[in-house]
Each structure stands twice: as C-alpha cells, then as structure tokens.
Amino acid sequence: MQIIADILSPCLHPQTKTYIRLQTNISYEVLQNCIYHLVLNHWPIRVTDRSGQNKLIIAEKELIFLEKWVELQKLSDAKQTNSEVTQKLKLEQVFARSK
C-alpha cells in the first residue's frame, strides 16, 4: 500500500511516469507494473495533454485513499523516522491545498 500511495500522491495534477518515478524513487520495473495494475482499475486516470503526452491524474476516490492512508500511518506507527514524518506532512499539505 505504501508504494501505491507513493505513486498516487504526486498525481493531484497531471504527471508523467518519469516525474512520478523521480518523486518516488521506485525502480522502473516496479513503477511500470504498479501503474499498469492501477490504470486497469482506473486508479489513476490516464489523460493526454495538449502536446499529446500521456499523464496520470487522480480523482476523488484516490484522494480519499491517500487521506485514509495518512490517517492509518498516524495510528499505526508511533516510532516514525524523520523521513516518514516529512513525507506524511507533505501529503497533508497537498490535501490542504486541494480542498
């Protein structure tokens, strides 16, 4: 679930697979496999920009998933590392801006 959250979180705005990979630091193979399965289930939505470039963007259900993921992480892990806390704070800031 962490990888799914990592992939979806940059997609509040249309993003390329390359951008997502750079933001998540996930290997190309893992990213390709995860995105393939996510897109099959319409998580996230594939869009094409004006230049014809394919990008991914999340909708309401994915945003709800990310919000619940952050809540779950807060409840389940009292011993968080600084990087995990930073990542969660970034997600929370993104959610605050999207509302």
PDB file of N, CA and C in Angstrom:
ATOM      1  N   MET A   1       0.823  -1.194   0.000  1.00  0.00           N
ATOM      2  CA  MET A   1       0.000   0.000   0.000  1.00  0.00           C
ATOM      3  C   MET A   1       0.865   1.256   0.000  1.00  0.00           C
ATOM      4  N   GLN A   2       2.036   1.166   0.610  1.00  0.00           N
ATOM      5  CA  GLN A   2       2.931   2.327   0.633  1.00  0.00           C
ATOM      6  C   GLN A   2       3.327   2.733  -0.781  1.00  0.00           C
ATOM      7  N   ILE A   3       3.646   1.745  -1.618  1.00  0.00           N
ATOM      8  CA  ILE A   3       4.043   2.053  -2.987  1.00  0.00           C
ATOM      9  C   ILE A   3       2.885   2.689  -3.748  1.00  0.00           C
ATOM     10  N   ILE A   4       1.689   2.193  -3.555  1.00  0.00           N
ATOM     11  CA  ILE A   4       0.518   2.771  -4.222  1.00  0.00           C
ATOM     12  C   ILE A   4       0.334   4.215  -3.793  1.00  0.00           C
ATOM     13  N   ALA A   5       0.426   4.477  -2.500  1.00  0.00           N
ATOM     14  CA  ALA A   5       0.308   5.849  -2.006  1.00  0.00           C
ATOM     15  C   ALA A   5       1.413   6.730  -2.573  1.00  0.00           C
ATOM     16  N   ASP A   6       2.626   6.199  -2.651  1.00  0.00           N
ATOM     17  CA  ASP A   6       3.745   6.962  -3.203  1.00  0.00           C
ATOM     18  C   ASP A   6       3.513   7.307  -4.671  1.00  0.00           C
ATOM     19  N   ILE A   7       2.927   6.383  -5.413  1.00  0.00           N
ATOM     20  CA  ILE A   7       2.657   6.616  -6.835  1.00  0.00           C
ATOM     21  C   ILE A   7       1.521   7.613  -7.020  1.00  0.00           C
ATOM     22  N   LEU A   8       0.477   7.491  -6.241  1.00  0.00           N
ATOM     23  CA  LEU A   8      -0.690   8.351  -6.419  1.00  0.00           C
ATOM     24  C   LEU A   8      -0.477   9.771  -5.912  1.00  0.00           C
ATOM     25  N   SER A   9       0.321   9.949  -4.874  1.00  0.00           N
ATOM     26  CA  SER A   9       0.424  11.273  -4.251  1.00  0.00           C
ATOM     27  C   SER A   9       0.915  12.380  -5.179  1.00  0.00           C
ATOM     28  N   PRO A  10       1.831  12.157  -6.115  1.00  0.00           N
ATOM     29  CA  PRO A  10       2.219  13.264  -6.999  1.00  0.00           C
ATOM     30  C   PRO A  10       1.162  13.583  -8.065  1.00  0.00           C
ATOM     31  N   CYS A  11       0.145  12.740  -8.189  1.00  0.00           N
ATOM     32  CA  CYS A  11      -0.802  12.852  -9.302  1.00  0.00           C
ATOM     33  C   CYS A  11      -2.022  13.724  -9.010  1.00  0.00           C
ATOM     34  N   LEU A  12      -1.917  14.626  -8.055  1.00  0.00           N
ATOM     35  CA  LEU A  12      -3.015  15.570  -7.856  1.00  0.00           C
ATOM     36  C   LEU A  12      -3.170  16.456  -9.085  1.00  0.00           C
ATOM     37  N   HIS A  13      -2.085  16.654  -9.784  1.00  0.00           N
ATOM     38  CA  HIS A  13      -2.067  17.349 -11.064  1.00  0.00           C
ATOM     39  C   HIS A  13      -1.512  16.362 -12.073  1.00  0.00           C
ATOM     40  N   PRO A  14      -1.873  16.481 -13.344  1.00  0.00           N
ATOM     41  CA  PRO A  14      -1.377  15.514 -14.327  1.00  0.00           C
ATOM     42  C   PRO A  14       0.148  15.399 -14.310  1.00  0.00           C
ATOM     43  N   GLN A  15       0.640  14.161 -14.210  1.00  0.00           N
ATOM     44  CA  GLN A  15       2.079  13.919 -14.132  1.00  0.00           C
ATOM     45  C   GLN A  15       2.470  12.772 -15.057  1.00  0.00           C
ATOM     46  N   THR A  16       3.673  12.843 -15.588  1.00  0.00           N
ATOM     47  CA  THR A  16       4.208  11.765 -16.415  1.00  0.00           C
ATOM     48  C   THR A  16       4.762  10.664 -15.519  1.00  0.00           C
ATOM     49  N   LYS A  17       4.933   9.482 -16.111  1.00  0.00           N
ATOM     50  CA  LYS A  17       5.533   8.367 -15.368  1.00  0.00           C
ATOM     51  C   LYS A  17       6.950   8.727 -14.928  1.00  0.00           C
ATOM     52  N   THR A  18       7.659   9.456 -15.771  1.00  0.00           N
ATOM     53  CA  THR A  18       9.032   9.861 -15.424  1.00  0.00           C
ATOM     54  C   THR A  18       9.031  10.739 -14.184  1.00  0.00           C
ATOM     55  N   TYR A  19       8.117  11.695 -14.126  1.00  0.00           N
ATOM     56  CA  TYR A  19       8.032  12.576 -12.956  1.00  0.00           C
ATOM     57  C   TYR A  19       7.703  11.760 -11.707  1.00  0.00           C
ATOM     58  N   ILE A  20       6.752  10.853 -11.831  1.00  0.00           N
ATOM     59  CA  ILE A  20       6.355  10.018 -10.684  1.00  0.00           C
ATOM     60  C   ILE A  20       7.550   9.188 -10.216  1.00  0.00           C
ATOM     61  N   ARG A  21       8.286   8.626 -11.171  1.00  0.00           N
ATOM     62  CA  ARG A  21       9.452   7.807 -10.807  1.00  0.00           C
ATOM     63  C   ARG A  21      10.487   8.632 -10.053  1.00  0.00           C
ATOM     64  N   LEU A  22      10.732   9.835 -10.519  1.00  0.00           N
ATOM     65  CA  LEU A  22      11.714  10.687  -9.851  1.00  0.00           C
ATOM     66  C   LEU A  22      11.248  11.096  -8.452  1.00  0.00           C
ATOM     67  N   GLN A  23       9.950  11.312  -8.289  1.00  0.00           N
ATOM     68  CA  GLN A  23       9.409  11.713  -6.991  1.00  0.00           C
ATOM     69  C   GLN A  23       9.381  10.563  -5.992  1.00  0.00           C
ATOM     70  N   THR A  24       9.188   9.353  -6.500  1.00  0.00           N
ATOM     71  CA  THR A  24       9.002   8.205  -5.599  1.00  0.00           C
ATOM     72  C   THR A  24      10.263   7.387  -5.380  1.00  0.00           C
ATOM     73  N   ASN A  25      11.215   7.497  -6.290  1.00  0.00           N
ATOM     74  CA  ASN A  25      12.442   6.709  -6.208  1.00  0.00           C
ATOM     75  C   ASN A  25      12.156   5.205  -6.267  1.00  0.00           C
ATOM     76  N   ILE A  26      11.135   4.834  -7.025  1.00  0.00           N
ATOM     77  CA  ILE A  26      10.761   3.435  -7.236  1.00  0.00           C
ATOM     78  C   ILE A  26      11.435   2.974  -8.525  1.00  0.00           C
ATOM     79  N   SER A  27      11.880   1.741  -8.565  1.00  0.00           N
ATOM     80  CA  SER A  27      12.522   1.233  -9.772  1.00  0.00           C
ATOM     81  C   SER A  27      11.548   1.290 -10.945  1.00  0.00           C
ATOM     82  N   TYR A  28      12.103   1.380 -12.145  1.00  0.00           N
ATOM     83  CA  TYR A  28      11.295   1.475 -13.353  1.00  0.00           C
ATOM     84  C   TYR A  28      10.359   0.275 -13.487  1.00  0.00           C
ATOM     85  N   GLU A  29      10.874  -0.923 -13.252  1.00  0.00           N
ATOM     86  CA  GLU A  29      10.062  -2.129 -13.395  1.00  0.00           C
ATOM     87  C   GLU A  29       8.897  -2.159 -12.409  1.00  0.00           C
ATOM     88  N   VAL A  30       9.166  -1.829 -11.169  1.00  0.00           N
ATOM     89  CA  VAL A  30       8.107  -1.818 -10.150  1.00  0.00           C
ATOM     90  C   VAL A  30       7.068  -0.750 -10.490  1.00  0.00           C
ATOM     91  N   LEU A  31       7.541   0.426 -10.881  1.00  0.00           N
ATOM     92  CA  LEU A  31       6.621   1.506 -11.236  1.00  0.00           C
ATOM     93  C   LEU A  31       5.736   1.105 -12.410  1.00  0.00           C
ATOM     94  N   GLN A  32       6.331   0.553 -13.462  1.00  0.00           N
ATOM     95  CA  GLN A  32       5.564   0.130 -14.638  1.00  0.00           C
ATOM     96  C   GLN A  32       4.503  -0.894 -14.259  1.00  0.00           C
ATOM     97  N   ASN A  33       4.874  -1.870 -13.461  1.00  0.00           N
ATOM     98  CA  ASN A  33       3.953  -2.915 -13.043  1.00  0.00           C
ATOM     99  C   ASN A  33       2.810  -2.348 -12.202  1.00  0.00           C
ATOM    100  N   CYS A  34       3.143  -1.500 -11.253  1.00  0.00           N
ATOM    101  CA  CYS A  34       2.120  -0.907 -10.382  1.00  0.00           C
ATOM    102  C   CYS A  34       1.177  -0.007 -11.174  1.00  0.00           C
ATOM    103  N   ILE A  35       1.740   0.843 -12.018  1.00  0.00           N
ATOM    104  CA  ILE A  35       0.890   1.745 -12.801  1.00  0.00           C
ATOM    105  C   ILE A  35      -0.014   0.943 -13.734  1.00  0.00           C
ATOM    106  N   TYR A  36       0.510  -0.099 -14.336  1.00  0.00           N
ATOM    107  CA  TYR A  36      -0.301  -0.949 -15.205  1.00  0.00           C
ATOM    108  C   TYR A  36      -1.536  -1.461 -14.459  1.00  0.00           C
ATOM    109  N   HIS A  37      -1.325  -2.012 -13.268  1.00  0.00           N
ATOM    110  CA  HIS A  37      -2.442  -2.558 -12.495  1.00  0.00           C
ATOM    111  C   HIS A  37      -3.360  -1.460 -11.976  1.00  0.00           C
ATOM    112  N   LEU A  38      -2.807  -0.335 -11.584  1.00  0.00           N
ATOM    113  CA  LEU A  38      -3.636   0.779 -11.129  1.00  0.00           C
ATOM    114  C   LEU A  38      -4.520   1.309 -12.257  1.00  0.00           C
ATOM    115  N   VAL A  39      -3.942   1.495 -13.434  1.00  0.00           N
ATOM    116  CA  VAL A  39      -4.705   2.024 -14.577  1.00  0.00           C
ATOM    117  C   VAL A  39      -5.788   1.034 -15.007  1.00  0.00           C
ATOM    118  N   LEU A  40      -5.502  -0.264 -14.930  1.00  0.00           N
ATOM    119  CA  LEU A  40      -6.534  -1.260 -15.252  1.00  0.00           C
ATOM    120  C   LEU A  40      -7.765  -1.083 -14.374  1.00  0.00           C
ATOM    121  N   ASN A  41      -7.542  -0.662 -13.134  1.00  0.00           N
ATOM    122  CA  ASN A  41      -8.649  -0.444 -12.195  1.00  0.00           C
ATOM    123  C   ASN A  41      -9.086   1.022 -12.126  1.00  0.00           C
ATOM    124  N   HIS A  42      -8.623   1.805 -13.103  1.00  0.00           N
ATOM    125  CA  HIS A  42      -8.963   3.228 -13.205  1.00  0.00           C
ATOM    126  C   HIS A  42      -8.448   4.042 -12.011  1.00  0.00           C
ATOM    127  N   TRP A  43      -7.324   3.610 -11.484  1.00  0.00           N
ATOM    128  CA  TRP A  43      -6.623   4.329 -10.405  1.00  0.00           C
ATOM    129  C   TRP A  43      -5.202   4.546 -10.864  1.00  0.00           C
ATOM    130  N   PRO A  44      -4.718   5.558 -11.276  1.00  0.00           N
ATOM    131  CA  PRO A  44      -5.336   6.853 -11.569  1.00  0.00           C
ATOM    132  C   PRO A  44      -5.882   6.889 -12.996  1.00  0.00           C
ATOM    133  N   ILE A  45      -6.360   8.049 -13.390  1.00  0.00           N
ATOM    134  CA  ILE A  45      -6.926   8.239 -14.715  1.00  0.00           C
ATOM    135  C   ILE A  45      -5.808   8.665 -15.659  1.00  0.00           C
ATOM    136  N   ARG A  46      -5.775   8.064 -16.840  1.00  0.00           N
ATOM    137  CA  ARG A  46      -4.786   8.432 -17.857  1.00  0.00           C
ATOM    138  C   ARG A  46      -5.381   9.560 -18.705  1.00  0.00           C
ATOM    139  N   VAL A  47      -4.647  10.654 -18.836  1.00  0.00           N
ATOM    140  CA  VAL A  47      -5.070  11.788 -19.654  1.00  0.00           C
ATOM    141  C   VAL A  47      -3.962  12.124 -20.648  1.00  0.00           C
ATOM    142  N   THR A  48      -4.327  12.838 -21.707  1.00  0.00           N
ATOM    143  CA  THR A  48      -3.357  13.284 -22.696  1.00  0.00           C
ATOM    144  C   THR A  48      -3.373  14.803 -22.706  1.00  0.00           C
ATOM    145  N   ASP A  49      -2.200  15.416 -22.575  1.00  0.00           N
ATOM    146  CA  ASP A  49      -2.146  16.883 -22.580  1.00  0.00           C
ATOM    147  C   ASP A  49      -2.147  17.403 -24.018  1.00  0.00           C
ATOM    148  N   ARG A  50      -2.100  18.712 -24.172  1.00  0.00           N
ATOM    149  CA  ARG A  50      -2.184  19.337 -25.497  1.00  0.00           C
ATOM    150  C   ARG A  50      -1.080  18.887 -26.442  1.00  0.00           C
ATOM    151  N   SER A  51       0.071  18.564 -25.898  1.00  0.00           N
ATOM    152  CA  SER A  51       1.191  18.136 -26.743  1.00  0.00           C
ATOM    153  C   SER A  51       1.126  16.647 -27.089  1.00  0.00           C
ATOM    154  N   GLY A  52       0.122  15.951 -26.596  1.00  0.00           N
ATOM    155  CA  GLY A  52      -0.037  14.527 -26.872  1.00  0.00           C
ATOM    156  C   GLY A  52       0.658  13.621 -25.879  1.00  0.00           C
ATOM    157  N   GLN A  53       1.198  14.202 -24.821  1.00  0.00           N
ATOM    158  CA  GLN A  53       1.918  13.420 -23.818  1.00  0.00           C
ATOM    159  C   GLN A  53       0.931  12.780 -22.841  1.00  0.00           C
ATOM    160  N   ASN A  54       1.117  11.471 -22.580  1.00  0.00           N
ATOM    161  CA  ASN A  54       0.265  10.764 -21.621  1.00  0.00           C
ATOM    162  C   ASN A  54       0.678  11.123 -20.206  1.00  0.00           C
ATOM    163  N   LYS A  55      -0.321  11.432 -19.383  1.00  0.00           N
ATOM    164  CA  LYS A  55      -0.079  11.750 -17.978  1.00  0.00           C
ATOM    165  C   LYS A  55      -1.119  11.044 -17.129  1.00  0.00           C
ATOM    166  N   LEU A  56      -0.856  10.997 -15.833  1.00  0.00           N
ATOM    167  CA  LEU A  56      -1.761  10.361 -14.886  1.00  0.00           C
ATOM    168  C   LEU A  56      -2.240  11.398 -13.882  1.00  0.00           C
ATOM    169  N   ILE A  57      -3.516  11.304 -13.513  1.00  0.00           N
ATOM    170  CA  ILE A  57      -4.088  12.209 -12.515  1.00  0.00           C
ATOM    171  C   ILE A  57      -5.068  11.416 -11.653  1.00  0.00           C
ATOM    172  N   ILE A  58      -5.156  11.785 -10.397  1.00  0.00           N
ATOM    173  CA  ILE A  58      -6.094  11.082  -9.504  1.00  0.00           C
ATOM    174  C   ILE A  58      -7.422  11.827  -9.437  1.00  0.00           C
ATOM    175  N   ALA A  59      -8.444  11.077  -9.068  1.00  0.00           N
ATOM    176  CA  ALA A  59      -9.784  11.629  -8.876  1.00  0.00           C
ATOM    177  C   ALA A  59     -10.128  11.556  -7.393  1.00  0.00           C
ATOM    178  N   GLU A  60     -11.370  11.764  -7.094  1.00  0.00           N
ATOM    179  CA  GLU A  60     -11.825  11.834  -5.699  1.00  0.00           C
ATOM    180  C   GLU A  60     -11.546  10.557  -4.913  1.00  0.00           C
ATOM    181  N   LYS A  61     -11.794   9.384  -5.516  1.00  0.00           N
ATOM    182  CA  LYS A  61     -11.602   8.135  -4.759  1.00  0.00           C
ATOM    183  C   LYS A  61     -10.133   7.918  -4.388  1.00  0.00           C
ATOM    184  N   GLU A  62      -9.227   8.326  -5.272  1.00  0.00           N
ATOM    185  CA  GLU A  62      -7.809   8.184  -4.969  1.00  0.00           C
ATOM    186  C   GLU A  62      -7.377   9.164  -3.884  1.00  0.00           C
ATOM    187  N   LEU A  63      -7.948  10.357  -3.911  1.00  0.00           N
ATOM    188  CA  LEU A  63      -7.660  11.347  -2.880  1.00  0.00           C
ATOM    189  C   LEU A  63      -8.136  10.841  -1.518  1.00  0.00           C
ATOM    190  N   ILE A  64      -9.302  10.241  -1.487  1.00  0.00           N
ATOM    191  CA  ILE A  64      -9.820   9.658  -0.243  1.00  0.00           C
ATOM    192  C   ILE A  64      -8.890   8.548   0.235  1.00  0.00           C
ATOM    193  N   PHE A  65      -8.423   7.698  -0.687  1.00  0.00           N
ATOM    194  CA  PHE A  65      -7.469   6.645  -0.331  1.00  0.00           C
ATOM    195  C   PHE A  65      -6.225   7.243   0.319  1.00  0.00           C
ATOM    196  N   LEU A  66      -5.672   8.293  -0.282  1.00  0.00           N
ATOM    197  CA  LEU A  66      -4.464   8.913   0.263  1.00  0.00           C
ATOM    198  C   LEU A  66      -4.714   9.526   1.638  1.00  0.00           C
ATOM    199  N   GLU A  67      -5.855  10.157   1.815  1.00  0.00           N
ATOM    200  CA  GLU A  67      -6.189  10.722   3.130  1.00  0.00           C
ATOM    201  C   GLU A  67      -6.283   9.621   4.179  1.00  0.00           C
ATOM    202  N   LYS A  68      -6.941   8.526   3.834  1.00  0.00           N
ATOM    203  CA  LYS A  68      -7.069   7.403   4.774  1.00  0.00           C
ATOM    204  C   LYS A  68      -5.707   6.758   5.048  1.00  0.00           C
ATOM    205  N   TRP A  69      -4.853   6.712   4.026  1.00  0.00           N
ATOM    206  CA  TRP A  69      -3.514   6.153   4.200  1.00  0.00           C
ATOM    207  C   TRP A  69      -2.726   6.970   5.219  1.00  0.00           C
ATOM    208  N   VAL A  70      -2.809   8.286   5.121  1.00  0.00           N
ATOM    209  CA  VAL A  70      -2.111   9.157   6.069  1.00  0.00           C
ATOM    210  C   VAL A  70      -2.661   8.927   7.473  1.00  0.00           C
ATOM    211  N   GLU A  71      -3.995   8.838   7.604  1.00  0.00           N
ATOM    212  CA  GLU A  71      -4.604   8.582   8.913  1.00  0.00           C
ATOM    213  C   GLU A  71      -4.128   7.238   9.478  1.00  0.00           C
ATOM    214  N   LEU A  72      -4.107   6.219   8.652  1.00  0.00           N
ATOM    215  CA  LEU A  72      -3.669   4.897   9.083  1.00  0.00           C
ATOM    216  C   LEU A  72      -2.219   4.919   9.544  1.00  0.00           C
ATOM    217  N   GLN A  73      -1.386   5.616   8.813  1.00  0.00           N
ATOM    218  CA  GLN A  73       0.022   5.705   9.188  1.00  0.00           C
ATOM    219  C   GLN A  73       0.191   6.406  10.533  1.00  0.00           C
ATOM    220  N   LYS A  74      -0.585   7.432  10.770  1.00  0.00           N
ATOM    221  CA  LYS A  74      -0.513   8.134  12.056  1.00  0.00           C
ATOM    222  C   LYS A  74      -0.899   7.208  13.207  1.00  0.00           C
ATOM    223  N   LEU A  75      -1.916   6.391  12.973  1.00  0.00           N
ATOM    224  CA  LEU A  75      -2.399   5.497  14.025  1.00  0.00           C
ATOM    225  C   LEU A  75      -1.474   4.306  14.257  1.00  0.00           C
ATOM    226  N   SER A  76      -0.861   3.814  13.205  1.00  0.00           N
ATOM    227  CA  SER A  76      -0.150   2.541  13.315  1.00  0.00           C
ATOM    228  C   SER A  76       1.321   2.633  13.693  1.00  0.00           C
ATOM    229  N   ASP A  77       1.900   3.798  13.574  1.00  0.00           N
ATOM    230  CA  ASP A  77       3.342   3.858  13.761  1.00  0.00           C
ATOM    231  C   ASP A  77       3.746   4.980  14.707  1.00  0.00           C
ATOM    232  N   ALA A  78       3.912   4.635  15.951  1.00  0.00           N
ATOM    233  CA  ALA A  78       4.321   5.637  16.936  1.00  0.00           C
ATOM    234  C   ALA A  78       5.806   5.958  16.834  1.00  0.00           C
ATOM    235  N   LYS A  79       6.599   5.045  16.266  1.00  0.00           N
ATOM    236  CA  LYS A  79       8.039   5.240  16.137  1.00  0.00           C
ATOM    237  C   LYS A  79       8.385   5.535  14.683  1.00  0.00           C
ATOM    238  N   GLN A  80       8.071   6.728  14.243  1.00  0.00           N
ATOM    239  CA  GLN A  80       8.314   7.102  12.858  1.00  0.00           C
ATOM    240  C   GLN A  80       9.687   7.726  12.693  1.00  0.00           C
ATOM    241  N   THR A  81      10.284   7.481  11.546  1.00  0.00           N
ATOM    242  CA  THR A  81      11.546   8.140  11.244  1.00  0.00           C
ATOM    243  C   THR A  81      11.258   9.543  10.728  1.00  0.00           C
ATOM    244  N   ASN A  82      12.248  10.394  10.733  1.00  0.00           N
ATOM    245  CA  ASN A  82      12.070  11.760  10.255  1.00  0.00           C
ATOM    246  C   ASN A  82      11.608  11.801   8.809  1.00  0.00           C
ATOM    247  N   SER A  83      12.128  10.928   7.950  1.00  0.00           N
ATOM    248  CA  SER A  83      11.732  10.944   6.544  1.00  0.00           C
ATOM    249  C   SER A  83      10.269  10.557   6.373  1.00  0.00           C
ATOM    250  N   GLU A  84       9.789   9.607   7.162  1.00  0.00           N
ATOM    251  CA  GLU A  84       8.376   9.224   7.084  1.00  0.00           C
ATOM    252  C   GLU A  84       7.478  10.366   7.544  1.00  0.00           C
ATOM    253  N   VAL A  85       7.868  11.023   8.597  1.00  0.00           N
ATOM    254  CA  VAL A  85       7.095  12.164   9.097  1.00  0.00           C
ATOM    255  C   VAL A  85       7.063  13.265   8.043  1.00  0.00           C
ATOM    256  N   THR A  86       8.198  13.537   7.442  1.00  0.00           N
ATOM    257  CA  THR A  86       8.280  14.564   6.404  1.00  0.00           C
ATOM    258  C   THR A  86       7.371  14.220   5.237  1.00  0.00           C
ATOM    259  N   GLN A  87       7.390  12.967   4.805  1.00  0.00           N
ATOM    260  CA  GLN A  87       6.548  12.538   3.692  1.00  0.00           C
ATOM    261  C   GLN A  87       5.069  12.720   4.030  1.00  0.00           C
ATOM    262  N   LYS A  88       4.680  12.346   5.224  1.00  0.00           N
ATOM    263  CA  LYS A  88       3.281  12.478   5.626  1.00  0.00           C
ATOM    264  C   LYS A  88       2.863  13.939   5.713  1.00  0.00           C
ATOM    265  N   LEU A  89       3.751  14.772   6.212  1.00  0.00           N
ATOM    266  CA  LEU A  89       3.440  16.197   6.275  1.00  0.00           C
ATOM    267  C   LEU A  89       3.265  16.778   4.875  1.00  0.00           C
ATOM    268  N   LYS A  90       4.082  16.338   3.931  1.00  0.00           N
ATOM    269  CA  LYS A  90       3.936  16.792   2.549  1.00  0.00           C
ATOM    270  C   LYS A  90       2.579  16.388   1.997  1.00  0.00           C
ATOM    271  N   LEU A  91       2.159  15.134   2.245  1.00  0.00           N
ATOM    272  CA  LEU A  91       0.853  14.679   1.790  1.00  0.00           C
ATOM    273  C   LEU A  91      -0.261  15.511   2.411  1.00  0.00           C
ATOM    274  N   GLU A  92      -0.145  15.784   3.696  1.00  0.00           N
ATOM    275  CA  GLU A  92      -1.161  16.586   4.369  1.00  0.00           C
ATOM    276  C   GLU A  92      -1.238  17.994   3.781  1.00  0.00           C
ATOM    277  N   GLN A  93      -0.097  18.570   3.445  1.00  0.00           N
ATOM    278  CA  GLN A  93      -0.080  19.892   2.832  1.00  0.00           C
ATOM    279  C   GLN A  93      -0.729  19.857   1.457  1.00  0.00           C
ATOM    280  N   VAL A  94      -0.479  18.804   0.705  1.00  0.00           N
ATOM    281  CA  VAL A  94      -1.093  18.646  -0.604  1.00  0.00           C
ATOM    282  C   VAL A  94      -2.599  18.554  -0.475  1.00  0.00           C
ATOM    283  N   PHE A  95      -3.084  17.774   0.507  1.00  0.00           N
ATOM    284  CA  PHE A  95      -4.525  17.635   0.705  1.00  0.00           C
ATOM    285  C   PHE A  95      -5.145  18.975   1.079  1.00  0.00           C
ATOM    286  N   ALA A  96      -4.464  19.719   1.926  1.00  0.00           N
ATOM    287  CA  ALA A  96      -4.981  21.022   2.362  1.00  0.00           C
ATOM    288  C   ALA A  96      -5.117  21.964   1.167  1.00  0.00           C
ATOM    289  N   ARG A  97      -4.155  21.926   0.237  1.00  0.00           N
ATOM    290  CA  ARG A  97      -4.218  22.786  -0.949  1.00  0.00           C
ATOM    291  C   ARG A  97      -5.290  22.351  -1.921  1.00  0.00           C
ATOM    292  N   SER A  98      -5.620  21.044  -1.949  1.00  0.00           N
ATOM    293  CA  SER A  98      -6.581  20.540  -2.926  1.00  0.00           C
ATOM    294  C   SER A  98      -8.034  20.781  -2.519  1.00  0.00           C
ATOM    295  N   LYS A  99      -8.244  21.155  -1.277  1.00  0.00           N
ATOM    296  CA  LYS A  99      -9.626  21.358  -0.800  1.00  0.00           C
ATOM    297  C   LYS A  99     -10.059  22.785  -0.938  1.00  0.00           C
TER     298      LYS A  99
END
